[in-house]
Amino acid sequence: MKPVITIAYCPKCGWLLRAAYMAQELLTTFADDLGGVTLRPAEVAGTYIIYLEETILFDRKEQGHFPEIKALKQLVRDQVNPGKNLGHSDRT
């Protein structure tokens, strides 16, 4: 089975659109590598956590910022398909 990404976001903070955008980017980039992306409204204010299955890939509170889409794609790639070329997202 292909892994699933879950984005837990704070609906009170208005972060649904950000989560949906990141989900769309991940589904487009990793169409053959992911089983899906789930958006989950969080009950704790300020939550924005991205999971790969049960593993936390990125936690906004811990990092102090939202992930850049380029960095998020690299994090996901390193876990689900380390050999995948991300094109412009791999450039420094």
Protein backbone atom coordinates (compact mmCIF):
# COMPACT_ATOMS: atom_id res chain seq x y z
CA MET A 1 0.00 0.00 0.00
CA LYS A 2 1.12 3.52 -0.76
CA PRO A 3 1.62 5.87 2.19
CA VAL A 4 -0.89 8.60 3.05
CA ILE A 5 -0.08 12.16 4.05
CA THR A 6 -2.32 13.86 6.63
CA ILE A 7 -2.32 17.61 7.11
CA ALA A 8 -3.81 18.61 10.46
CA TYR A 9 -4.68 22.31 10.36
CA CYS A 10 -6.42 24.87 12.57
CA PRO A 11 -9.78 25.81 11.03
CA LYS A 12 -10.16 28.74 13.44
CA CYS A 13 -6.92 30.21 12.08
CA GLY A 14 -8.24 29.98 8.50
CA TRP A 15 -5.57 27.55 7.32
CA LEU A 16 -7.81 25.27 5.24
CA LEU A 17 -6.80 26.92 1.95
CA ARG A 18 -3.10 26.61 2.81
CA ALA A 19 -3.60 22.92 3.65
CA ALA A 20 -5.59 22.34 0.44
CA TYR A 21 -2.89 24.04 -1.64
CA MET A 22 -0.17 21.88 -0.11
CA ALA A 23 -2.29 18.76 -0.60
CA GLN A 24 -2.77 19.62 -4.27
CA GLU A 25 0.96 20.20 -4.76
CA LEU A 26 1.84 16.90 -3.08
CA LEU A 27 -0.77 14.93 -5.03
CA THR A 28 0.46 16.43 -8.29
CA THR A 29 4.14 15.81 -7.59
CA PHE A 30 3.73 12.36 -6.00
CA ALA A 31 0.79 10.97 -7.99
CA ASP A 32 2.49 7.57 -8.33
CA ASP A 33 3.99 7.49 -4.83
CA LEU A 34 1.17 8.45 -2.44
CA GLY A 35 -2.08 6.74 -1.57
CA GLY A 36 -3.64 10.12 -0.88
CA VAL A 37 -3.56 13.28 1.18
CA THR A 38 -6.06 13.79 3.98
CA LEU A 39 -7.01 17.16 5.47
CA ARG A 40 -7.93 16.96 9.14
CA PRO A 41 -9.29 19.93 11.11
CA ALA A 42 -7.46 20.11 14.44
CA GLU A 43 -9.11 20.78 17.78
CA VAL A 44 -6.05 22.60 19.16
CA ALA A 45 -5.71 26.21 18.01
CA GLY A 46 -2.62 27.00 15.95
CA THR A 47 -2.06 23.43 14.82
CA TYR A 48 -0.45 22.80 11.45
CA ILE A 49 1.20 19.39 11.39
CA ILE A 50 2.04 17.27 8.36
CA TYR A 51 2.21 13.52 8.92
CA LEU A 52 3.40 10.67 6.73
CA GLU A 53 1.31 7.87 8.15
CA GLU A 54 2.00 8.28 11.91
CA THR A 55 5.35 10.08 11.56
CA ILE A 56 5.46 13.86 11.88
CA LEU A 57 7.23 15.39 8.90
CA PHE A 58 6.64 19.01 9.84
CA ASP A 59 5.14 20.80 12.85
CA ARG A 60 4.57 24.55 12.49
CA LYS A 61 4.76 25.16 16.25
CA GLU A 62 8.05 23.29 16.55
CA GLN A 63 9.63 24.93 13.48
CA GLY A 64 8.22 28.41 14.10
CA HIS A 65 6.95 28.81 10.53
CA PHE A 66 4.99 27.12 7.77
CA PRO A 67 6.92 24.86 5.40
CA GLU A 68 7.93 26.19 2.03
CA ILE A 69 6.40 23.93 -0.63
CA LYS A 70 9.87 23.18 -2.05
CA ALA A 71 11.15 21.98 1.34
CA LEU A 72 7.97 20.00 1.97
CA LYS A 73 8.30 18.20 -1.35
CA GLN A 74 11.91 17.35 -0.50
CA LEU A 75 10.85 15.97 2.91
CA VAL A 76 8.16 13.81 1.34
CA ARG A 77 10.42 12.68 -1.50
CA ASP A 78 13.14 11.62 0.94
CA GLN A 79 10.63 9.32 2.65
CA VAL A 80 8.49 7.92 -0.19
CA ASN A 81 10.80 7.90 -3.24
CA PRO A 82 14.39 8.98 -2.45
CA GLY A 83 15.50 8.62 -6.07
CA LYS A 84 12.79 10.90 -7.47
CA ASN A 85 14.01 14.00 -9.30
CA LEU A 86 11.99 17.06 -8.26
CA GLY A 87 13.26 19.21 -11.10
CA HIS A 88 13.31 22.88 -10.09
CA SER A 89 12.47 21.95 -6.48
CA ASP A 90 15.88 20.27 -6.20
CA ARG A 91 17.81 23.33 -7.27
CA THR A 92 19.43 25.50 -4.62
